[in-house]
Amino acid sequence: MTEDKNNVDEMEEKLEHLHRERIADLTKTASLLGSWMSDQKLTLAEQLAIVELLRASLLVNYMERVRTSSVEKFVSEHPNLRVVVVDGSKKPPSTPPRTFKPSEN
């Protein structure tokens, strides 16, 4: 039991270290991006658009990692579970759009 706790503590320390490194990398990247945008003479609206695109991209990447790790954890905790992988890049078969008419009362 003590060995498991030590392993958990060690992993938490490694994750915390990686988190600090990632924050440092993001801070450096943000600084470089700010300098680049200043050099490009971009308008404030253009700068905000770039920042919003980057923020959305980071959020999507984060959500993908969280979702993947959550699914992997769930599957590992349920060894008898049958897992079917669905290719999300393929579009579902197209269906004609439905039209609704207001009901007459």
C-alpha atoms as a PDB file:
ATOM      1  CA  MET A   1       0.000   0.000   0.000  1.00  0.00           C
ATOM      2  CA  THR A   2       2.837   2.403   0.895  1.00  0.00           C
ATOM      3  CA  GLU A   3       4.551   1.616  -2.408  1.00  0.00           C
ATOM      4  CA  ASP A   4       1.363   2.528  -4.316  1.00  0.00           C
ATOM      5  CA  LYS A   5       1.124   5.836  -2.445  1.00  0.00           C
ATOM      6  CA  ASN A   6       4.785   6.561  -3.201  1.00  0.00           C
ATOM      7  CA  ASN A   7       4.168   5.820  -6.883  1.00  0.00           C
ATOM      8  CA  VAL A   8       1.150   8.129  -6.912  1.00  0.00           C
ATOM      9  CA  ASP A   9       3.124  10.887  -5.172  1.00  0.00           C
ATOM     10  CA  GLU A  10       5.963  10.482  -7.660  1.00  0.00           C
ATOM     11  CA  MET A  11       3.599  10.676 -10.617  1.00  0.00           C
ATOM     12  CA  GLU A  12       1.899  13.767  -9.177  1.00  0.00           C
ATOM     13  CA  GLU A  13       5.296  15.449  -8.791  1.00  0.00           C
ATOM     14  CA  LYS A  14       6.187  14.613 -12.402  1.00  0.00           C
ATOM     15  CA  LEU A  15       2.844  15.963 -13.633  1.00  0.00           C
ATOM     16  CA  GLU A  16       3.268  19.151 -11.610  1.00  0.00           C
ATOM     17  CA  HIS A  17       6.763  19.614 -13.069  1.00  0.00           C
ATOM     18  CA  LEU A  18       5.434  19.097 -16.608  1.00  0.00           C
ATOM     19  CA  HIS A  19       2.619  21.551 -15.899  1.00  0.00           C
ATOM     20  CA  ARG A  20       5.116  24.222 -14.771  1.00  0.00           C
ATOM     21  CA  GLU A  21       7.242  23.589 -17.879  1.00  0.00           C
ATOM     22  CA  ARG A  22       4.188  23.898 -20.106  1.00  0.00           C
ATOM     23  CA  ILE A  23       3.195  27.208 -18.486  1.00  0.00           C
ATOM     24  CA  ALA A  24       6.735  28.507 -19.003  1.00  0.00           C
ATOM     25  CA  ASP A  25       6.628  27.438 -22.679  1.00  0.00           C
ATOM     26  CA  LEU A  26       3.238  29.090 -23.185  1.00  0.00           C
ATOM     27  CA  THR A  27       4.462  32.277 -21.533  1.00  0.00           C
ATOM     28  CA  LYS A  28       7.520  32.376 -23.811  1.00  0.00           C
ATOM     29  CA  THR A  29       5.342  31.682 -26.857  1.00  0.00           C
ATOM     30  CA  ALA A  30       2.899  34.433 -25.894  1.00  0.00           C
ATOM     31  CA  SER A  31       5.784  36.883 -25.523  1.00  0.00           C
ATOM     32  CA  LEU A  32       7.189  35.943 -28.934  1.00  0.00           C
ATOM     33  CA  LEU A  33       3.736  36.198 -30.496  1.00  0.00           C
ATOM     34  CA  GLY A  34       3.231  39.642 -28.971  1.00  0.00           C
ATOM     35  CA  SER A  35       6.559  40.822 -30.381  1.00  0.00           C
ATOM     36  CA  TRP A  36       5.764  39.381 -33.793  1.00  0.00           C
ATOM     37  CA  MET A  37       2.311  41.009 -33.896  1.00  0.00           C
ATOM     38  CA  SER A  38       3.858  44.335 -32.900  1.00  0.00           C
ATOM     39  CA  ASP A  39       6.437  44.029 -35.694  1.00  0.00           C
ATOM     40  CA  GLN A  40       3.690  43.253 -38.220  1.00  0.00           C
ATOM     41  CA  LYS A  41       1.864  46.500 -37.409  1.00  0.00           C
ATOM     42  CA  LEU A  42      -1.400  44.583 -36.969  1.00  0.00           C
ATOM     43  CA  THR A  43      -4.498  46.402 -35.854  1.00  0.00           C
ATOM     44  CA  LEU A  44      -5.937  45.622 -32.451  1.00  0.00           C
ATOM     45  CA  ALA A  45      -8.811  43.744 -34.118  1.00  0.00           C
ATOM     46  CA  GLU A  46      -6.355  41.588 -36.089  1.00  0.00           C
ATOM     47  CA  GLN A  47      -4.332  40.894 -32.934  1.00  0.00           C
ATOM     48  CA  LEU A  48      -7.476  39.902 -31.029  1.00  0.00           C
ATOM     49  CA  ALA A  49      -8.582  37.626 -33.876  1.00  0.00           C
ATOM     50  CA  ILE A  50      -5.210  35.820 -33.819  1.00  0.00           C
ATOM     51  CA  VAL A  51      -5.341  35.443 -30.044  1.00  0.00           C
ATOM     52  CA  GLU A  52      -8.909  34.092 -30.180  1.00  0.00           C
ATOM     53  CA  LEU A  53      -7.961  31.548 -32.865  1.00  0.00           C
ATOM     54  CA  LEU A  54      -5.013  30.365 -30.791  1.00  0.00           C
ATOM     55  CA  ARG A  55      -7.135  30.190 -27.640  1.00  0.00           C
ATOM     56  CA  ALA A  56      -9.780  28.130 -29.419  1.00  0.00           C
ATOM     57  CA  SER A  57      -7.108  25.813 -30.818  1.00  0.00           C
ATOM     58  CA  LEU A  58      -5.568  25.291 -27.366  1.00  0.00           C
ATOM     59  CA  LEU A  59      -8.996  24.590 -25.902  1.00  0.00           C
ATOM     60  CA  VAL A  60      -9.801  22.014 -28.580  1.00  0.00           C
ATOM     61  CA  ASN A  61      -6.433  20.299 -28.055  1.00  0.00           C
ATOM     62  CA  TYR A  62      -6.968  20.247 -24.294  1.00  0.00           C
ATOM     63  CA  MET A  63     -10.471  18.821 -24.629  1.00  0.00           C
ATOM     64  CA  GLU A  64      -9.211  16.093 -26.971  1.00  0.00           C
ATOM     65  CA  ARG A  65      -6.539  15.075 -24.442  1.00  0.00           C
ATOM     66  CA  VAL A  66      -8.992  15.088 -21.546  1.00  0.00           C
ATOM     67  CA  ARG A  67     -11.576  13.103 -23.481  1.00  0.00           C
ATOM     68  CA  THR A  68      -9.004  10.555 -24.668  1.00  0.00           C
ATOM     69  CA  SER A  69      -7.505  10.057 -21.212  1.00  0.00           C
ATOM     70  CA  SER A  70     -10.968   9.808 -19.636  1.00  0.00           C
ATOM     71  CA  VAL A  71     -12.050   7.162 -22.117  1.00  0.00           C
ATOM     72  CA  GLU A  72      -8.798   5.234 -21.687  1.00  0.00           C
ATOM     73  CA  LYS A  73      -9.184   5.341 -17.902  1.00  0.00           C
ATOM     74  CA  PHE A  74     -12.805   4.176 -18.087  1.00  0.00           C
ATOM     75  CA  VAL A  75     -11.916   1.314 -20.432  1.00  0.00           C
ATOM     76  CA  SER A  76      -9.014   0.208 -18.226  1.00  0.00           C
ATOM     77  CA  GLU A  77     -11.320   0.182 -15.185  1.00  0.00           C
ATOM     78  CA  HIS A  78     -13.874  -1.995 -17.014  1.00  0.00           C
ATOM     79  CA  PRO A  79     -11.905  -4.859 -18.613  1.00  0.00           C
ATOM     80  CA  ASN A  80     -15.043  -6.735 -19.727  1.00  0.00           C
ATOM     81  CA  LEU A  81     -16.297  -3.746 -21.683  1.00  0.00           C
ATOM     82  CA  ARG A  82     -16.432  -4.155 -25.444  1.00  0.00           C
ATOM     83  CA  VAL A  83     -15.071  -1.037 -27.134  1.00  0.00           C
ATOM     84  CA  VAL A  84     -15.999  -0.006 -30.651  1.00  0.00           C
ATOM     85  CA  VAL A  85     -13.901   2.740 -32.200  1.00  0.00           C
ATOM     86  CA  VAL A  86     -15.783   5.072 -34.497  1.00  0.00           C
ATOM     87  CA  ASP A  87     -13.935   7.134 -37.068  1.00  0.00           C
ATOM     88  CA  GLY A  88     -15.149  10.664 -36.363  1.00  0.00           C
ATOM     89  CA  SER A  89     -13.533  12.026 -39.516  1.00  0.00           C
ATOM     90  CA  LYS A  90     -16.130  10.358 -41.737  1.00  0.00           C
ATOM     91  CA  LYS A  91     -19.329  12.230 -42.343  1.00  0.00           C
ATOM     92  CA  PRO A  92     -22.579  10.492 -41.496  1.00  0.00           C
ATOM     93  CA  PRO A  93     -24.868   9.707 -44.422  1.00  0.00           C
ATOM     94  CA  SER A  94     -26.614  12.841 -45.522  1.00  0.00           C
ATOM     95  CA  THR A  95     -30.320  13.095 -44.908  1.00  0.00           C
ATOM     96  CA  PRO A  96     -32.576  15.659 -46.500  1.00  0.00           C
ATOM     97  CA  PRO A  97     -33.300  18.604 -44.220  1.00  0.00           C
ATOM     98  CA  ARG A  98     -36.693  18.528 -42.540  1.00  0.00           C
ATOM     99  CA  THR A  99     -39.080  21.389 -42.943  1.00  0.00           C
ATOM    100  CA  PHE A 100     -41.681  22.208 -40.365  1.00  0.00           C
ATOM    101  CA  LYS A 101     -44.815  24.160 -41.070  1.00  0.00           C
ATOM    102  CA  PRO A 102     -46.547  26.022 -38.282  1.00  0.00           C
ATOM    103  CA  SER A 103     -49.703  24.261 -37.264  1.00  0.00           C
ATOM    104  CA  GLU A 104     -52.920  26.034 -38.004  1.00  0.00           C
ATOM    105  CA  ASN A 105     -55.254  26.309 -35.017  1.00  0.00           C
END
